PDB file of N, CA and C in Angstrom:
ATOM      1  N   MET A   1      85.215 143.589 -41.718  1.00  0.00           N
ATOM      2  CA  MET A   1      84.516 142.553 -41.798  1.00  0.00           C
ATOM      3  C   MET A   1      83.409 142.397 -40.424  1.00  0.00           C
ATOM      4  N   VAL A   2      82.322 141.620 -41.035  1.00  0.00           N
ATOM      5  CA  VAL A   2      81.014 141.613 -39.520  1.00  0.00           C
ATOM      6  C   VAL A   2      80.720 140.161 -39.958  1.00  0.00           C
ATOM      7  N   LEU A   3      80.463 139.848 -38.557  1.00  0.00           N
ATOM      8  CA  LEU A   3      79.489 138.498 -38.467  1.00  0.00           C
ATOM      9  C   LEU A   3      78.266 138.320 -37.384  1.00  0.00           C
ATOM     10  N   PRO A   4      77.625 137.246 -38.504  1.00  0.00           N
ATOM     11  CA  PRO A   4      76.156 137.052 -37.581  1.00  0.00           C
ATOM     12  C   PRO A   4      75.816 136.983 -36.092  1.00  0.00           C
ATOM     13  N   VAL A   5      74.953 137.526 -35.615  1.00  0.00           N
ATOM     14  CA  VAL A   5      75.135 137.201 -34.177  1.00  0.00           C
ATOM     15  C   VAL A   5      73.768 136.639 -34.016  1.00  0.00           C
ATOM     16  N   MET A   6      73.067 135.776 -33.365  1.00  0.00           N
ATOM     17  CA  MET A   6      71.763 135.615 -33.292  1.00  0.00           C
ATOM     18  C   MET A   6      70.969 135.269 -31.976  1.00  0.00           C
ATOM     19  N   HIS A   7      70.037 136.257 -32.060  1.00  0.00           N
ATOM     20  CA  HIS A   7      69.556 136.286 -30.724  1.00  0.00           C
ATOM     21  C   HIS A   7      68.201 135.390 -30.421  1.00  0.00           C
ATOM     22  N   LYS A   8      67.365 135.475 -31.729  1.00  0.00           N
ATOM     23  CA  LYS A   8      66.026 135.111 -31.509  1.00  0.00           C
ATOM     24  C   LYS A   8      65.988 134.362 -32.866  1.00  0.00           C
ATOM     25  N   VAL A   9      64.918 133.234 -33.340  1.00  0.00           N
ATOM     26  CA  VAL A   9      64.697 132.455 -33.926  1.00  0.00           C
ATOM     27  C   VAL A   9      63.379 133.576 -34.956  1.00  0.00           C
ATOM     28  N   ARG A  10      63.518 133.675 -36.027  1.00  0.00           N
ATOM     29  CA  ARG A  10      62.397 134.460 -37.402  1.00  0.00           C
ATOM     30  C   ARG A  10      62.793 136.106 -37.039  1.00  0.00           C
ATOM     31  N   HIS A  11      63.671 136.271 -36.181  1.00  0.00           N
ATOM     32  CA  HIS A  11      64.051 137.435 -36.087  1.00  0.00           C
ATOM     33  C   HIS A  11      65.570 138.051 -36.953  1.00  0.00           C
ATOM     34  N   PRO A  12      65.783 139.681 -36.979  1.00  0.00           N
ATOM     35  CA  PRO A  12      67.043 139.422 -38.094  1.00  0.00           C
ATOM     36  C   PRO A  12      68.093 139.271 -37.119  1.00  0.00           C
ATOM     37  N   LEU A  13      69.137 138.993 -38.049  1.00  0.00           N
ATOM     38  CA  LEU A  13      70.484 138.857 -37.469  1.00  0.00           C
ATOM     39  C   LEU A  13      70.915 140.295 -37.134  1.00  0.00           C
ATOM     40  N   VAL A  14      71.755 140.415 -36.382  1.00  0.00           N
ATOM     41  CA  VAL A  14      72.729 141.579 -35.879  1.00  0.00           C
ATOM     42  C   VAL A  14      74.356 141.116 -36.220  1.00  0.00           C
ATOM     43  N   PHE A  15      74.835 142.036 -36.815  1.00  0.00           N
ATOM     44  CA  PHE A  15      75.996 142.178 -37.512  1.00  0.00           C
ATOM     45  C   PHE A  15      77.023 142.744 -36.927  1.00  0.00           C
ATOM     46  N   ARG A  16      78.370 142.028 -35.893  1.00  0.00           N
ATOM     47  CA  ARG A  16      79.216 142.708 -35.322  1.00  0.00           C
ATOM     48  C   ARG A  16      80.489 142.821 -35.901  1.00  0.00           C
ATOM     49  N   ASP A  17      81.376 143.887 -35.648  1.00  0.00           N
ATOM     50  CA  ASP A  17      82.825 144.017 -35.959  1.00  0.00           C
ATOM     51  C   ASP A  17      83.389 142.475 -35.608  1.00  0.00           C
ATOM     52  N   PHE A  18      84.306 142.318 -36.696  1.00  0.00           N
ATOM     53  CA  PHE A  18      85.089 140.756 -36.529  1.00  0.00           C
ATOM     54  C   PHE A  18      86.172 141.155 -37.262  1.00  0.00           C
ATOM     55  N   ALA A  19      87.479 140.774 -37.087  1.00  0.00           N
ATOM     56  CA  ALA A  19      88.855 140.915 -37.441  1.00  0.00           C
ATOM     57  C   ALA A  19      89.289 139.603 -37.145  1.00  0.00           C
ATOM     58  N   PRO A  20      90.147 139.097 -37.864  1.00  0.00           N
ATOM     59  CA  PRO A  20      91.227 138.039 -37.733  1.00  0.00           C
ATOM     60  C   PRO A  20      91.826 137.798 -36.374  1.00  0.00           C
ATOM     61  N   GLY A  21      91.592 136.923 -35.818  1.00  0.00           N
ATOM     62  CA  GLY A  21      92.507 137.295 -34.265  1.00  0.00           C
ATOM     63  C   GLY A  21      91.811 137.269 -33.221  1.00  0.00           C
ATOM     64  N   ASP A  22      90.401 137.855 -33.332  1.00  0.00           N
ATOM     65  CA  ASP A  22      89.404 138.224 -32.301  1.00  0.00           C
ATOM     66  C   ASP A  22      88.838 136.893 -31.973  1.00  0.00           C
ATOM     67  N   ASP A  23      88.748 137.228 -30.657  1.00  0.00           N
ATOM     68  CA  ASP A  23      87.987 136.111 -29.781  1.00  0.00           C
ATOM     69  C   ASP A  23      86.677 136.331 -29.673  1.00  0.00           C
ATOM     70  N   LEU A  24      86.059 134.745 -30.297  1.00  0.00           N
ATOM     71  CA  LEU A  24      84.391 134.511 -30.229  1.00  0.00           C
ATOM     72  C   LEU A  24      83.835 134.322 -29.129  1.00  0.00           C
ATOM     73  N   VAL A  25      82.588 134.167 -28.690  1.00  0.00           N
ATOM     74  CA  VAL A  25      82.091 134.042 -27.972  1.00  0.00           C
ATOM     75  C   VAL A  25      81.168 133.016 -27.660  1.00  0.00           C
ATOM     76  N   LYS A  26      80.430 132.278 -26.938  1.00  0.00           N
ATOM     77  CA  LYS A  26      79.224 131.424 -27.362  1.00  0.00           C
ATOM     78  C   LYS A  26      78.142 132.060 -27.333  1.00  0.00           C
ATOM     79  N   GLY A  27      77.318 132.008 -28.021  1.00  0.00           N
ATOM     80  CA  GLY A  27      75.838 132.727 -28.267  1.00  0.00           C
ATOM     81  C   GLY A  27      74.967 131.792 -27.757  1.00  0.00           C
ATOM     82  N   PRO A  28      73.370 132.395 -27.509  1.00  0.00           N
ATOM     83  CA  PRO A  28      72.688 131.896 -26.818  1.00  0.00           C
ATOM     84  C   PRO A  28      72.352 130.655 -27.225  1.00  0.00           C
ATOM     85  N   PHE A  29      72.381 130.287 -28.682  1.00  0.00           N
ATOM     86  CA  PHE A  29      72.043 129.012 -29.712  1.00  0.00           C
ATOM     87  C   PHE A  29      73.613 127.938 -29.880  1.00  0.00           C
ATOM     88  N   GLY A  30      74.661 128.551 -29.095  1.00  0.00           N
ATOM     89  CA  GLY A  30      75.670 127.822 -29.017  1.00  0.00           C
ATOM     90  C   GLY A  30      76.431 128.115 -30.431  1.00  0.00           C
ATOM     91  N   LEU A  31      76.448 129.038 -31.034  1.00  0.00           N
ATOM     92  CA  LEU A  31      77.153 129.285 -32.124  1.00  0.00           C
ATOM     93  C   LEU A  31      78.151 130.400 -31.507  1.00  0.00           C
ATOM     94  N   SER A  32      79.509 130.354 -32.584  1.00  0.00           N
ATOM     95  CA  SER A  32      80.662 131.202 -31.987  1.00  0.00           C
ATOM     96  C   SER A  32      80.241 132.805 -32.460  1.00  0.00           C
ATOM     97  N   GLU A  33      80.188 133.615 -31.697  1.00  0.00           N
ATOM     98  CA  GLU A  33      79.720 134.850 -32.222  1.00  0.00           C
ATOM     99  C   GLU A  33      80.743 135.741 -31.932  1.00  0.00           C
ATOM    100  N   PRO A  34      80.929 136.892 -32.500  1.00  0.00           N
ATOM    101  CA  PRO A  34      81.658 138.275 -32.202  1.00  0.00           C
ATOM    102  C   PRO A  34      81.244 138.572 -30.707  1.00  0.00           C
ATOM    103  N   ALA A  35      81.410 139.021 -29.169  1.00  0.00           N
ATOM    104  CA  ALA A  35      81.314 139.566 -28.649  1.00  0.00           C
ATOM    105  C   ALA A  35      80.333 141.123 -28.489  1.00  0.00           C
ATOM    106  N   GLU A  36      79.675 141.193 -27.170  1.00  0.00           N
ATOM    107  CA  GLU A  36      78.632 142.323 -27.323  1.00  0.00           C
ATOM    108  C   GLU A  36      79.265 143.743 -27.194  1.00  0.00           C
ATOM    109  N   ASP A  37      80.675 143.906 -26.826  1.00  0.00           N
ATOM    110  CA  ASP A  37      81.224 145.008 -26.988  1.00  0.00           C
ATOM    111  C   ASP A  37      81.816 145.381 -28.227  1.00  0.00           C
ATOM    112  N   LYS A  38      81.409 144.608 -29.194  1.00  0.00           N
ATOM    113  CA  LYS A  38      81.918 144.760 -30.719  1.00  0.00           C
ATOM    114  C   LYS A  38      80.752 145.752 -31.459  1.00  0.00           C
ATOM    115  N   THR A  39      81.222 146.330 -31.925  1.00  0.00           N
ATOM    116  CA  THR A  39      80.390 147.502 -32.658  1.00  0.00           C
ATOM    117  C   THR A  39      79.507 146.760 -33.803  1.00  0.00           C
ATOM    118  N   ALA A  40      78.228 147.171 -33.989  1.00  0.00           N
ATOM    119  CA  ALA A  40      77.194 146.439 -34.745  1.00  0.00           C
ATOM    120  C   ALA A  40      76.997 147.096 -35.885  1.00  0.00           C
ATOM    121  N   ARG A  41      76.795 146.701 -37.103  1.00  0.00           N
ATOM    122  CA  ARG A  41      77.115 147.288 -38.593  1.00  0.00           C
ATOM    123  C   ARG A  41      76.153 146.340 -39.610  1.00  0.00           C
ATOM    124  N   ASP A  42      75.825 147.007 -40.441  1.00  0.00           N
ATOM    125  CA  ASP A  42      74.598 146.368 -41.538  1.00  0.00           C
ATOM    126  C   ASP A  42      76.217 145.968 -42.792  1.00  0.00           C
ATOM    127  N   PRO A  43      75.702 145.118 -42.380  1.00  0.00           N
ATOM    128  CA  PRO A  43      76.764 144.714 -43.822  1.00  0.00           C
ATOM    129  C   PRO A  43      76.257 145.258 -45.251  1.00  0.00           C
ATOM    130  N   ASP A  44      76.769 145.349 -46.631  1.00  0.00           N
ATOM    131  CA  ASP A  44      76.483 145.318 -48.076  1.00  0.00           C
ATOM    132  C   ASP A  44      76.550 144.275 -48.932  1.00  0.00           C
ATOM    133  N   ILE A  45      76.959 143.089 -48.272  1.00  0.00           N
ATOM    134  CA  ILE A  45      76.769 141.761 -48.950  1.00  0.00           C
ATOM    135  C   ILE A  45      76.953 140.986 -47.664  1.00  0.00           C
ATOM    136  N   LEU A  46      76.039 140.175 -48.085  1.00  0.00           N
ATOM    137  CA  LEU A  46      75.374 138.985 -47.117  1.00  0.00           C
ATOM    138  C   LEU A  46      75.650 137.220 -47.234  1.00  0.00           C
ATOM    139  N   PHE A  47      76.357 136.892 -47.082  1.00  0.00           N
ATOM    140  CA  PHE A  47      76.470 135.470 -47.625  1.00  0.00           C
ATOM    141  C   PHE A  47      75.423 134.419 -47.291  1.00  0.00           C
ATOM    142  N   SER A  48      74.424 133.494 -47.622  1.00  0.00           N
ATOM    143  CA  SER A  48      73.763 133.045 -46.943  1.00  0.00           C
ATOM    144  C   SER A  48      73.728 131.577 -47.131  1.00  0.00           C
ATOM    145  N   PRO A  49      73.789 130.837 -46.139  1.00  0.00           N
ATOM    146  CA  PRO A  49      73.593 129.461 -45.988  1.00  0.00           C
ATOM    147  C   PRO A  49      72.044 129.160 -46.525  1.00  0.00           C
ATOM    148  N   LEU A  50      72.227 127.942 -46.745  1.00  0.00           N
ATOM    149  CA  LEU A  50      71.082 127.145 -47.916  1.00  0.00           C
ATOM    150  C   LEU A  50      70.686 125.522 -47.371  1.00  0.00           C
ATOM    151  N   ALA A  51      69.932 124.993 -47.843  1.00  0.00           N
ATOM    152  CA  ALA A  51      69.849 123.730 -47.881  1.00  0.00           C
ATOM    153  C   ALA A  51      69.356 123.235 -49.602  1.00  0.00           C
ATOM    154  N   ALA A  52      68.641 124.333 -50.142  1.00  0.00           N
ATOM    155  CA  ALA A  52      68.701 123.755 -51.731  1.00  0.00           C
ATOM    156  C   ALA A  52      68.332 125.248 -52.206  1.00  0.00           C
ATOM    157  N   PHE A  53      68.545 125.536 -53.678  1.00  0.00           N
ATOM    158  CA  PHE A  53      68.289 126.590 -54.460  1.00  0.00           C
ATOM    159  C   PHE A  53      68.191 126.173 -55.930  1.00  0.00           C
ATOM    160  N   ASP A  54      67.014 127.331 -56.416  1.00  0.00           N
ATOM    161  CA  ASP A  54      66.774 127.036 -57.876  1.00  0.00           C
ATOM    162  C   ASP A  54      67.324 128.135 -58.581  1.00  0.00           C
ATOM    163  N   ARG A  55      67.312 128.176 -60.031  1.00  0.00           N
ATOM    164  CA  ARG A  55      67.858 128.937 -60.936  1.00  0.00           C
ATOM    165  C   ARG A  55      67.050 130.299 -60.319  1.00  0.00           C
ATOM    166  N   ARG A  56      65.724 130.737 -60.232  1.00  0.00           N
ATOM    167  CA  ARG A  56      65.248 132.097 -60.465  1.00  0.00           C
ATOM    168  C   ARG A  56      65.592 132.787 -59.080  1.00  0.00           C
ATOM    169  N   GLY A  57      67.044 132.366 -58.333  1.00  0.00           N
ATOM    170  CA  GLY A  57      67.256 133.092 -57.036  1.00  0.00           C
ATOM    171  C   GLY A  57      66.751 132.663 -55.983  1.00  0.00           C
ATOM    172  N   PHE A  58      66.084 131.826 -55.816  1.00  0.00           N
ATOM    173  CA  PHE A  58      65.300 130.911 -54.296  1.00  0.00           C
ATOM    174  C   PHE A  58      65.935 130.363 -53.411  1.00  0.00           C
ATOM    175  N   ARG A  59      66.012 130.349 -51.885  1.00  0.00           N
ATOM    176  CA  ARG A  59      66.395 129.416 -51.390  1.00  0.00           C
ATOM    177  C   ARG A  59      65.607 128.529 -50.581  1.00  0.00           C
ATOM    178  N   LEU A  60      65.854 127.589 -50.017  1.00  0.00           N
ATOM    179  CA  LEU A  60      65.212 126.595 -49.049  1.00  0.00           C
ATOM    180  C   LEU A  60      66.175 126.923 -47.922  1.00  0.00           C
ATOM    181  N   GLY A  61      65.698 127.347 -46.825  1.00  0.00           N
ATOM    182  CA  GLY A  61      66.522 127.453 -45.724  1.00  0.00           C
ATOM    183  C   GLY A  61      66.434 126.077 -44.837  1.00  0.00           C
ATOM    184  N   TYR A  62      66.921 126.594 -43.211  1.00  0.00           N
ATOM    185  CA  TYR A  62      66.537 125.396 -42.342  1.00  0.00           C
ATOM    186  C   TYR A  62      65.189 125.758 -41.607  1.00  0.00           C
ATOM    187  N   GLY A  63      64.864 126.931 -42.137  1.00  0.00           N
ATOM    188  CA  GLY A  63      63.052 126.905 -41.142  1.00  0.00           C
ATOM    189  C   GLY A  63      63.314 127.581 -40.288  1.00  0.00           C
ATOM    190  N   GLY A  64      64.492 128.318 -39.882  1.00  0.00           N
ATOM    191  CA  GLY A  64      64.033 129.497 -38.769  1.00  0.00           C
ATOM    192  C   GLY A  64      63.393 131.125 -39.424  1.00  0.00           C
ATOM    193  N   GLY A  65      63.535 131.168 -40.439  1.00  0.00           N
ATOM    194  CA  GLY A  65      63.543 132.189 -41.283  1.00  0.00           C
ATOM    195  C   GLY A  65      64.149 133.591 -41.110  1.00  0.00           C
ATOM    196  N   ILE A  66      65.229 133.055 -40.543  1.00  0.00           N
ATOM    197  CA  ILE A  66      66.362 134.039 -40.192  1.00  0.00           C
ATOM    198  C   ILE A  66      67.108 135.050 -40.925  1.00  0.00           C
ATOM    199  N   TYR A  67      67.524 134.593 -42.225  1.00  0.00           N
ATOM    200  CA  TYR A  67      67.996 135.308 -43.263  1.00  0.00           C
ATOM    201  C   TYR A  67      67.001 136.078 -44.353  1.00  0.00           C
ATOM    202  N   ASP A  68      65.419 135.597 -43.993  1.00  0.00           N
ATOM    203  CA  ASP A  68      64.865 136.206 -45.013  1.00  0.00           C
ATOM    204  C   ASP A  68      64.253 137.060 -43.916  1.00  0.00           C
ATOM    205  N   ALA A  69      63.824 137.372 -42.864  1.00  0.00           N
ATOM    206  CA  ALA A  69      63.870 138.500 -41.795  1.00  0.00           C
ATOM    207  C   ALA A  69      64.842 139.370 -42.320  1.00  0.00           C
ATOM    208  N   THR A  70      66.072 138.946 -41.910  1.00  0.00           N
ATOM    209  CA  THR A  70      67.530 139.667 -41.952  1.00  0.00           C
ATOM    210  C   THR A  70      67.840 140.260 -43.405  1.00  0.00           C
ATOM    211  N   LEU A  71      67.234 139.889 -44.649  1.00  0.00           N
ATOM    212  CA  LEU A  71      67.576 140.647 -45.543  1.00  0.00           C
ATOM    213  C   LEU A  71      66.059 141.713 -46.244  1.00  0.00           C
ATOM    214  N   SER A  72      65.171 141.137 -45.510  1.00  0.00           N
ATOM    215  CA  SER A  72      63.946 142.017 -45.618  1.00  0.00           C
ATOM    216  C   SER A  72      64.334 143.447 -44.930  1.00  0.00           C
ATOM    217  N   GLY A  73      64.749 143.290 -43.667  1.00  0.00           N
ATOM    218  CA  GLY A  73      64.877 144.626 -42.757  1.00  0.00           C
ATOM    219  C   GLY A  73      66.054 145.220 -43.537  1.00  0.00           C
ATOM    220  N   LEU A  74      67.036 144.626 -44.040  1.00  0.00           N
ATOM    221  CA  LEU A  74      68.716 145.280 -44.466  1.00  0.00           C
ATOM    222  C   LEU A  74      67.791 146.378 -45.683  1.00  0.00           C
ATOM    223  N   ARG A  75      67.049 145.454 -46.434  1.00  0.00           N
ATOM    224  CA  ARG A  75      66.795 145.890 -47.742  1.00  0.00           C
ATOM    225  C   ARG A  75      65.751 147.005 -48.025  1.00  0.00           C
ATOM    226  N   ALA A  76      65.103 147.027 -46.704  1.00  0.00           N
ATOM    227  CA  ALA A  76      64.131 148.589 -46.281  1.00  0.00           C
ATOM    228  C   ALA A  76      65.348 149.413 -46.020  1.00  0.00           C
ATOM    229  N   THR A  77      66.290 149.404 -45.790  1.00  0.00           N
ATOM    230  CA  THR A  77      67.031 150.671 -45.383  1.00  0.00           C
ATOM    231  C   THR A  77      68.200 150.875 -46.619  1.00  0.00           C
ATOM    232  N   LYS A  78      68.821 149.745 -47.268  1.00  0.00           N
ATOM    233  CA  LYS A  78      69.783 150.317 -48.230  1.00  0.00           C
ATOM    234  C   LYS A  78      69.687 149.206 -49.458  1.00  0.00           C
ATOM    235  N   PRO A  79      70.456 148.970 -50.424  1.00  0.00           N
ATOM    236  CA  PRO A  79      70.899 147.799 -50.991  1.00  0.00           C
ATOM    237  C   PRO A  79      71.900 146.925 -50.353  1.00  0.00           C
ATOM    238  N   VAL A  80      71.498 145.463 -50.633  1.00  0.00           N
ATOM    239  CA  VAL A  80      72.252 144.746 -49.947  1.00  0.00           C
ATOM    240  C   VAL A  80      72.192 143.521 -51.237  1.00  0.00           C
ATOM    241  N   ALA A  81      73.595 143.372 -51.530  1.00  0.00           N
ATOM    242  CA  ALA A  81      73.824 141.816 -52.151  1.00  0.00           C
ATOM    243  C   ALA A  81      73.702 140.874 -51.519  1.00  0.00           C
ATOM    244  N   ALA A  82      72.706 139.251 -51.785  1.00  0.00           N
ATOM    245  CA  ALA A  82      72.507 138.575 -51.040  1.00  0.00           C
ATOM    246  C   ALA A  82      73.332 137.130 -52.037  1.00  0.00           C
ATOM    247  N   ILE A  83      74.207 136.358 -51.704  1.00  0.00           N
ATOM    248  CA  ILE A  83      74.677 135.795 -52.336  1.00  0.00           C
ATOM    249  C   ILE A  83      74.215 134.142 -51.453  1.00  0.00           C
ATOM    250  N   GLY A  84      74.155 133.439 -52.245  1.00  0.00           N
ATOM    251  CA  GLY A  84      73.779 132.162 -51.892  1.00  0.00           C
ATOM    252  C   GLY A  84      74.683 131.528 -51.833  1.00  0.00           C
ATOM    253  N   VAL A  85      75.523 130.448 -50.766  1.00  0.00           N
ATOM    254  CA  VAL A  85      76.617 129.346 -51.369  1.00  0.00           C
ATOM    255  C   VAL A  85      76.278 128.277 -50.986  1.00  0.00           C
ATOM    256  N   ALA A  86      76.481 127.529 -51.672  1.00  0.00           N
ATOM    257  CA  ALA A  86      76.072 125.750 -52.006  1.00  0.00           C
ATOM    258  C   ALA A  86      76.862 125.185 -52.531  1.00  0.00           C
ATOM    259  N   TYR A  87      76.310 123.529 -52.297  1.00  0.00           N
ATOM    260  CA  TYR A  87      77.356 123.071 -53.645  1.00  0.00           C
ATOM    261  C   TYR A  87      76.007 122.452 -54.487  1.00  0.00           C
ATOM    262  N   SER A  88      76.648 122.307 -55.880  1.00  0.00           N
ATOM    263  CA  SER A  88      76.046 122.255 -57.276  1.00  0.00           C
ATOM    264  C   SER A  88      75.025 120.697 -56.910  1.00  0.00           C
ATOM    265  N   CYS A  89      75.095 120.290 -56.055  1.00  0.00           N
ATOM    266  CA  CYS A  89      74.070 118.942 -55.760  1.00  0.00           C
ATOM    267  C   CYS A  89      73.179 119.670 -54.906  1.00  0.00           C
ATOM    268  N   GLN A  90      73.256 120.189 -54.409  1.00  0.00           N
ATOM    269  CA  GLN A  90      71.847 121.384 -53.877  1.00  0.00           C
ATOM    270  C   GLN A  90      70.578 122.075 -54.938  1.00  0.00           C
ATOM    271  N   GLU A  91      70.977 122.115 -55.931  1.00  0.00           N
ATOM    272  CA  GLU A  91      70.085 122.301 -56.931  1.00  0.00           C
ATOM    273  C   GLU A  91      68.902 121.904 -57.316  1.00  0.00           C
ATOM    274  N   ALA A  92      67.874 122.428 -57.129  1.00  0.00           N
ATOM    275  CA  ALA A  92      66.593 122.215 -57.435  1.00  0.00           C
ATOM    276  C   ALA A  92      65.933 122.700 -58.268  1.00  0.00           C
ATOM    277  N   ASP A  93      65.292 122.187 -59.375  1.00  0.00           N
ATOM    278  CA  ASP A  93      64.345 122.530 -60.327  1.00  0.00           C
ATOM    279  C   ASP A  93      63.515 124.055 -60.094  1.00  0.00           C
ATOM    280  N   ARG A  94      63.492 123.758 -59.044  1.00  0.00           N
ATOM    281  CA  ARG A  94      62.097 124.738 -58.301  1.00  0.00           C
ATOM    282  C   ARG A  94      62.017 124.582 -56.590  1.00  0.00           C
ATOM    283  N   VAL A  95      62.361 125.224 -56.023  1.00  0.00           N
ATOM    284  CA  VAL A  95      62.225 125.757 -54.624  1.00  0.00           C
ATOM    285  C   VAL A  95      60.958 125.918 -54.328  1.00  0.00           C
ATOM    286  N   PRO A  96      60.007 125.267 -52.999  1.00  0.00           N
ATOM    287  CA  PRO A  96      58.932 126.152 -52.783  1.00  0.00           C
ATOM    288  C   PRO A  96      59.086 127.524 -52.174  1.00  0.00           C
ATOM    289  N   THR A  97      58.430 128.351 -52.312  1.00  0.00           N
ATOM    290  CA  THR A  97      58.129 129.545 -51.998  1.00  0.00           C
ATOM    291  C   THR A  97      56.987 130.137 -51.146  1.00  0.00           C
ATOM    292  N   GLU A  98      57.460 131.244 -50.386  1.00  0.00           N
ATOM    293  CA  GLU A  98      56.201 131.975 -50.049  1.00  0.00           C
ATOM    294  C   GLU A  98      56.645 133.419 -49.982  1.00  0.00           C
ATOM    295  N   THR A  99      55.455 134.075 -50.070  1.00  0.00           N
ATOM    296  CA  THR A  99      55.590 135.566 -49.660  1.00  0.00           C
ATOM    297  C   THR A  99      57.166 136.386 -48.942  1.00  0.00           C
ATOM    298  N   HIS A 100      57.284 135.820 -48.178  1.00  0.00           N
ATOM    299  CA  HIS A 100      58.167 136.237 -47.306  1.00  0.00           C
ATOM    300  C   HIS A 100      59.530 135.873 -47.931  1.00  0.00           C
ATOM    301  N   ASP A 101      59.904 135.086 -48.773  1.00  0.00           N
ATOM    302  CA  ASP A 101      61.003 134.538 -49.214  1.00  0.00           C
ATOM    303  C   ASP A 101      61.833 135.624 -49.913  1.00  0.00           C
ATOM    304  N   GLU A 102      62.894 135.747 -49.676  1.00  0.00           N
ATOM    305  CA  GLU A 102      64.263 136.900 -50.087  1.00  0.00           C
ATOM    306  C   GLU A 102      64.455 136.082 -51.473  1.00  0.00           C
ATOM    307  N   ARG A 103      64.594 136.540 -52.772  1.00  0.00           N
ATOM    308  CA  ARG A 103      65.695 136.255 -53.334  1.00  0.00           C
ATOM    309  C   ARG A 103      67.006 136.749 -53.284  1.00  0.00           C
ATOM    310  N   LEU A 104      67.885 135.621 -53.819  1.00  0.00           N
ATOM    311  CA  LEU A 104      69.223 135.801 -53.941  1.00  0.00           C
ATOM    312  C   LEU A 104      69.709 136.761 -54.927  1.00  0.00           C
ATOM    313  N   ASP A 105      70.596 137.241 -55.148  1.00  0.00           N
ATOM    314  CA  ASP A 105      71.167 138.173 -56.156  1.00  0.00           C
ATOM    315  C   ASP A 105      72.142 137.331 -57.136  1.00  0.00           C
ATOM    316  N   TYR A 106      72.562 136.221 -56.329  1.00  0.00           N
ATOM    317  CA  TYR A 106      73.733 135.298 -57.077  1.00  0.00           C
ATOM    318  C   TYR A 106      73.860 134.186 -56.120  1.00  0.00           C
ATOM    319  N   LEU A 107      74.302 133.405 -56.982  1.00  0.00           N
ATOM    320  CA  LEU A 107      74.372 132.112 -55.639  1.00  0.00           C
ATOM    321  C   LEU A 107      75.346 131.454 -56.105  1.00  0.00           C
ATOM    322  N   MET A 108      76.633 130.975 -55.593  1.00  0.00           N
ATOM    323  CA  MET A 108      77.683 130.275 -55.816  1.00  0.00           C
ATOM    324  C   MET A 108      78.217 128.664 -55.458  1.00  0.00           C
ATOM    325  N   THR A 109      78.506 127.687 -56.246  1.00  0.00           N
ATOM    326  CA  THR A 109      78.868 126.694 -56.257  1.00  0.00           C
ATOM    327  C   THR A 109      80.269 126.516 -56.437  1.00  0.00           C
ATOM    328  N   GLU A 110      80.907 125.282 -56.369  1.00  0.00           N
ATOM    329  CA  GLU A 110      82.073 124.959 -56.637  1.00  0.00           C
ATOM    330  C   GLU A 110      82.295 124.487 -58.014  1.00  0.00           C
ATOM    331  N   ARG A 111      81.271 124.535 -58.493  1.00  0.00           N
ATOM    332  CA  ARG A 111      81.230 124.435 -59.963  1.00  0.00           C
ATOM    333  C   ARG A 111      80.668 126.164 -60.989  1.00  0.00           C
ATOM    334  N   GLU A 112      79.938 126.812 -60.641  1.00  0.00           N
ATOM    335  CA  GLU A 112      79.941 128.240 -60.927  1.00  0.00           C
ATOM    336  C   GLU A 112      79.486 129.083 -60.084  1.00  0.00           C
ATOM    337  N   THR A 113      79.229 130.540 -60.780  1.00  0.00           N
ATOM    338  CA  THR A 113      78.157 131.204 -60.336  1.00  0.00           C
ATOM    339  C   THR A 113      77.110 131.564 -60.639  1.00  0.00           C
ATOM    340  N   ILE A 114      75.993 131.595 -60.350  1.00  0.00           N
ATOM    341  CA  ILE A 114      74.547 131.804 -60.703  1.00  0.00           C
ATOM    342  C   ILE A 114      74.246 133.281 -60.675  1.00  0.00           C
ATOM    343  N   VAL A 115      73.856 133.931 -61.784  1.00  0.00           N
ATOM    344  CA  VAL A 115      72.810 134.970 -61.569  1.00  0.00           C
ATOM    345  C   VAL A 115      71.613 134.833 -62.266  1.00  0.00           C
ATOM    346  N   PRO A 116      70.531 135.022 -61.626  1.00  0.00           N
ATOM    347  CA  PRO A 116      69.438 134.295 -61.788  1.00  0.00           C
ATOM    348  C   PRO A 116      68.807 135.299 -62.990  1.00  0.00           C
ATOM    349  N   ALA A 117      68.432 134.783 -63.800  1.00  0.00           N
ATOM    350  CA  ALA A 117      68.185 135.307 -65.509  1.00  0.00           C
ATOM    351  C   ALA A 117      67.717 136.570 -65.138  1.00  0.00           C
ATOM    352  N   ASP A 118      66.403 136.551 -64.587  1.00  0.00           N
ATOM    353  CA  ASP A 118      65.740 137.701 -65.138  1.00  0.00           C
ATOM    354  C   ASP A 118      66.298 139.416 -64.262  1.00  0.00           C
ATOM    355  N   ILE A 119      67.754 139.154 -63.472  1.00  0.00           N
ATOM    356  CA  ILE A 119      68.002 139.885 -62.977  1.00  0.00           C
ATOM    357  C   ILE A 119      69.203 140.614 -63.599  1.00  0.00           C
ATOM    358  N   ILE A 120      69.718 139.735 -64.470  1.00  0.00           N
ATOM    359  CA  ILE A 120      71.022 140.054 -65.592  1.00  0.00           C
ATOM    360  C   ILE A 120      70.304 141.504 -66.261  1.00  0.00           C
ATOM    361  N   GLY A 121      71.381 142.584 -66.459  1.00  0.00           N
ATOM    362  CA  GLY A 121      70.882 143.511 -67.310  1.00  0.00           C
ATOM    363  C   GLY A 121      70.021 144.731 -66.110  1.00  0.00           C
TER     364      GLY A 121
END
C-alpha cells in the first residue's frame, strides 16, 4: 500500500510505501505522511477526494489541481484506475470542467458505485 505525499500545490503527488503500524510524519502542509525514507511507488489504483461529482465521471476538487496533475502524470506512463470517494449528497447534475480535468473511472458513495456511462463496455 502507498500513501500520498504532497510537496507543492498544483504539482503531482508522490506516493510512498506504508504498512499498518508504520509511523507517519507531519508534511509541509501539516498532513500525516510516510517518511522520506520510504520507497516511492506509482499506484495502479488512486482514490480521489472531491467536493462534488457528476455521472460523467468528473469531479470538483478543492482548488489545488493536485489530483488532476497526479492523474495526468500517472496515466502518461501506465493505466491507472481513478476512483472518486464521496457522499451521495455531493452529486451535481454537471460540475464545471476545464481542459486539464481528469475523469474518474468510478465513483463510490454510501449508496452506490457509479461507472460513467460511456466508459462501460
